[in-house]
């Protein structure tokens, strides 16, 4: 039979709690940094798109978000065609803008950055949930450690082993998230 000391479980659950909270903080630093970089890139691209739109269709579109601008240009193009000769001239400018390679490349890049942001947010849910589960389990078992130790050594060993397995799973998914999901494209 394995002999576990009186305070072994107390130290174990305390260390598990502290280590996993540090992991949550470290992962949070990586996520916030990466999302802020992506946000800065989106702002730069958005400003470029707005500049192109204002240059070509300045009288018709003043400013807005990139998806709204792209949709607005499509609808304005249709509306301008109904206005006669002057409208047709602006409609052609809108049509030219929509087929402009620089403009469409910027819009595509903006959309890709938005999708990358959303992927990071979706992918962080599992590692965060597992890590917080380990934290909650360790917080629940910490005050029960002495009672379980005095009552049943087998139950104590099973709880320690279960916590270790859950912790390994949480650490593996967190490491995967930091290395793979936050990589720079």
Protein backbone atom coordinates (compact mmCIF):
# COMPACT_ATOMS: atom_id res chain seq x y z
CA UNK A 1 0.00 0.00 0.00
CA UNK A 2 1.19 3.50 -0.78
CA UNK A 3 1.70 5.64 2.29
CA UNK A 4 0.78 9.29 1.80
CA UNK A 5 1.78 11.81 4.46
CA UNK A 6 -0.72 13.90 6.43
CA UNK A 7 -0.07 17.13 4.56
CA UNK A 8 0.94 15.77 1.14
CA UNK A 9 -2.49 16.34 -0.38
CA UNK A 10 -2.67 19.85 1.10
CA UNK A 11 0.61 20.83 -0.55
CA UNK A 12 -0.36 19.05 -3.77
CA UNK A 13 -3.75 20.77 -4.21
CA UNK A 14 -2.27 24.11 -3.22
CA UNK A 15 0.53 23.78 -5.79
CA UNK A 16 -1.91 22.61 -8.49
CA UNK A 17 -4.13 25.62 -7.82
CA UNK A 18 -1.26 28.12 -7.92
CA UNK A 19 0.38 26.58 -10.97
CA UNK A 20 -2.82 26.54 -12.99
CA UNK A 21 -3.71 30.10 -12.06
CA UNK A 22 -0.25 31.11 -13.29
CA UNK A 23 -0.96 29.20 -16.51
CA UNK A 24 -4.24 31.08 -16.97
CA UNK A 25 -2.38 34.38 -16.49
CA UNK A 26 0.40 33.40 -18.90
CA UNK A 27 -2.05 32.25 -21.55
CA UNK A 28 -4.02 35.46 -21.06
CA UNK A 29 -0.89 37.52 -21.72
CA UNK A 30 -0.28 35.68 -25.00
CA UNK A 31 -3.92 36.00 -26.08
CA UNK A 32 -4.18 39.69 -25.27
CA UNK A 33 -0.90 40.44 -27.04
CA UNK A 34 -1.89 38.49 -30.17
CA UNK A 35 -5.38 40.00 -30.32
CA UNK A 36 -3.97 43.51 -29.90
CA UNK A 37 -1.51 42.92 -32.77
CA UNK A 38 -4.33 41.66 -34.99
CA UNK A 39 -6.51 44.60 -33.98
CA UNK A 40 -3.74 47.04 -34.90
CA UNK A 41 -3.29 45.38 -38.27
CA UNK A 42 -7.05 45.58 -38.88
CA UNK A 43 -7.09 49.29 -37.98
CA UNK A 44 -4.26 49.96 -40.44
CA UNK A 45 -5.96 48.02 -43.24
CA UNK A 46 -9.29 49.65 -42.43
CA UNK A 47 -7.72 53.11 -42.69
CA UNK A 48 -6.22 52.15 -46.07
CA UNK A 49 -9.58 50.90 -47.33
CA UNK A 50 -11.37 54.02 -46.10
CA UNK A 51 -8.70 56.14 -47.84
CA UNK A 52 -9.23 54.35 -51.14
CA UNK A 53 -13.01 54.62 -50.86
CA UNK A 54 -12.90 58.31 -49.95
CA UNK A 55 -10.50 58.96 -52.83
CA UNK A 56 -12.75 57.26 -55.39
CA UNK A 57 -16.23 57.82 -53.92
CA UNK A 58 -15.63 60.58 -51.41
CA UNK A 59 -18.85 62.44 -52.11
CA UNK A 60 -20.97 59.33 -51.63
CA UNK A 61 -19.29 57.52 -48.76
CA UNK A 62 -17.64 59.31 -45.88
CA UNK A 63 -16.54 56.59 -43.46
CA UNK A 64 -17.58 53.33 -41.83
CA UNK A 65 -16.46 49.84 -40.99
CA UNK A 66 -14.90 47.72 -43.72
CA UNK A 67 -17.76 45.21 -44.11
CA UNK A 68 -20.28 48.04 -44.10
CA UNK A 69 -18.25 49.95 -46.70
CA UNK A 70 -18.07 46.98 -49.03
CA UNK A 71 -21.82 46.37 -48.74
CA UNK A 72 -22.52 50.10 -49.10
CA UNK A 73 -20.47 50.32 -52.29
CA UNK A 74 -22.49 47.45 -53.79
CA UNK A 75 -25.82 49.06 -52.93
CA UNK A 76 -24.68 52.57 -53.90
CA UNK A 77 -23.52 51.26 -57.26
CA UNK A 78 -27.05 49.99 -57.92
CA UNK A 79 -28.67 53.22 -56.69
CA UNK A 80 -26.32 55.42 -58.71
CA UNK A 81 -27.23 53.62 -61.92
CA UNK A 82 -30.80 54.85 -61.44
CA UNK A 83 -29.77 58.53 -61.28
CA UNK A 84 -29.00 59.07 -64.94
CA UNK A 85 -25.77 60.35 -66.49
CA UNK A 86 -24.19 61.76 -63.31
CA UNK A 87 -25.18 58.67 -61.39
CA UNK A 88 -23.79 56.44 -64.12
CA UNK A 89 -20.40 58.17 -63.82
CA UNK A 90 -20.30 57.49 -60.06
CA UNK A 91 -21.66 53.99 -60.62
CA UNK A 92 -18.71 53.26 -62.91
CA UNK A 93 -16.33 54.55 -60.21
CA UNK A 94 -17.97 52.21 -57.70
CA UNK A 95 -17.73 49.34 -60.16
CA UNK A 96 -14.07 50.13 -60.81
CA UNK A 97 -13.42 50.29 -57.07
CA UNK A 98 -15.00 46.88 -56.51
CA UNK A 99 -12.77 45.40 -59.19
CA UNK A 100 -9.63 47.25 -58.03
CA UNK A 101 -7.04 44.64 -57.02
CA UNK A 102 -5.59 46.69 -54.20
CA UNK A 103 -9.01 47.35 -52.72
CA UNK A 104 -10.17 43.74 -52.98
CA UNK A 105 -6.85 42.47 -51.58
CA UNK A 106 -7.17 44.78 -48.58
CA UNK A 107 -10.77 43.70 -47.97
CA UNK A 108 -9.72 40.05 -48.22
CA UNK A 109 -6.84 40.58 -45.79
CA UNK A 110 -9.18 42.38 -43.37
CA UNK A 111 -11.61 39.45 -43.53
CA UNK A 112 -8.79 36.94 -42.94
CA UNK A 113 -7.58 38.86 -39.88
CA UNK A 114 -11.13 38.94 -38.51
CA UNK A 115 -11.42 35.17 -39.01
CA UNK A 116 -8.05 34.63 -37.30
CA UNK A 117 -9.25 36.67 -34.30
CA UNK A 118 -12.40 34.57 -34.11
CA UNK A 119 -10.39 31.33 -34.33
CA UNK A 120 -8.21 32.39 -31.42
CA UNK A 121 -11.28 33.15 -29.33
CA UNK A 122 -12.92 29.80 -30.20
CA UNK A 123 -9.75 27.75 -29.69
CA UNK A 124 -9.00 29.20 -26.27
CA UNK A 125 -12.24 27.88 -24.79
CA UNK A 126 -11.13 24.24 -24.27
CA UNK A 127 -7.74 24.98 -22.65
CA UNK A 128 -9.32 27.65 -20.46
CA UNK A 129 -12.20 25.37 -19.44
CA UNK A 130 -9.87 22.47 -18.58
CA UNK A 131 -7.48 24.68 -16.63
CA UNK A 132 -10.32 26.26 -14.68
CA UNK A 133 -11.74 22.78 -14.02
CA UNK A 134 -8.41 21.77 -12.46
CA UNK A 135 -8.43 24.94 -10.37
CA UNK A 136 -11.99 24.29 -9.16
CA UNK A 137 -11.25 20.63 -8.40
CA UNK A 138 -8.14 21.55 -6.42
CA UNK A 139 -10.05 24.24 -4.50
CA UNK A 140 -12.81 21.78 -3.64
CA UNK A 141 -10.42 19.00 -2.62
CA UNK A 142 -8.06 21.23 -0.63
CA UNK A 143 -10.31 21.57 2.43
CA UNK A 144 -11.37 17.91 2.14
CA UNK A 145 -7.82 16.55 1.98
CA UNK A 146 -7.42 15.99 5.72
CA UNK A 147 -10.85 14.33 6.07
CA UNK A 148 -10.23 12.00 3.12
CA UNK A 149 -6.73 11.18 4.38
CA UNK A 150 -8.08 10.17 7.78
CA UNK A 151 -10.97 8.22 6.24
CA UNK A 152 -9.78 6.23 3.22
CA UNK A 153 -6.29 6.07 1.73
CA UNK A 154 -7.64 4.50 -1.47
CA UNK A 155 -10.02 7.42 -2.09
CA UNK A 156 -7.21 9.87 -1.41
CA UNK A 157 -4.99 8.16 -3.96
CA UNK A 158 -7.79 8.11 -6.56
CA UNK A 159 -8.48 11.83 -6.06
CA UNK A 160 -4.79 12.67 -6.40
CA UNK A 161 -4.46 10.54 -9.55
CA UNK A 162 -7.62 12.03 -11.08
CA UNK A 163 -6.36 15.53 -10.43
CA UNK A 164 -3.00 14.67 -12.01
CA UNK A 165 -4.67 13.27 -15.15
CA UNK A 166 -6.95 16.30 -15.49
CA UNK A 167 -3.99 18.61 -14.92
CA UNK A 168 -1.90 16.86 -17.60
CA UNK A 169 -4.78 17.21 -20.05
CA UNK A 170 -5.19 20.89 -19.20
CA UNK A 171 -1.46 21.55 -19.57
CA UNK A 172 -1.29 19.73 -22.91
CA UNK A 173 -4.22 21.66 -24.39
CA UNK A 174 -2.85 24.95 -23.07
CA UNK A 175 0.56 24.25 -24.56
CA UNK A 176 -1.06 23.32 -27.88
CA UNK A 177 -3.09 26.52 -27.81
CA UNK A 178 -0.09 28.74 -27.07
CA UNK A 179 2.13 27.10 -29.71
CA UNK A 180 -0.38 26.39 -32.50
CA UNK A 181 -3.37 28.69 -32.15
CA UNK A 182 -1.39 31.84 -31.40
CA UNK A 183 1.21 31.37 -34.13
CA UNK A 184 1.86 34.34 -36.36
CA UNK A 185 0.58 34.00 -39.90
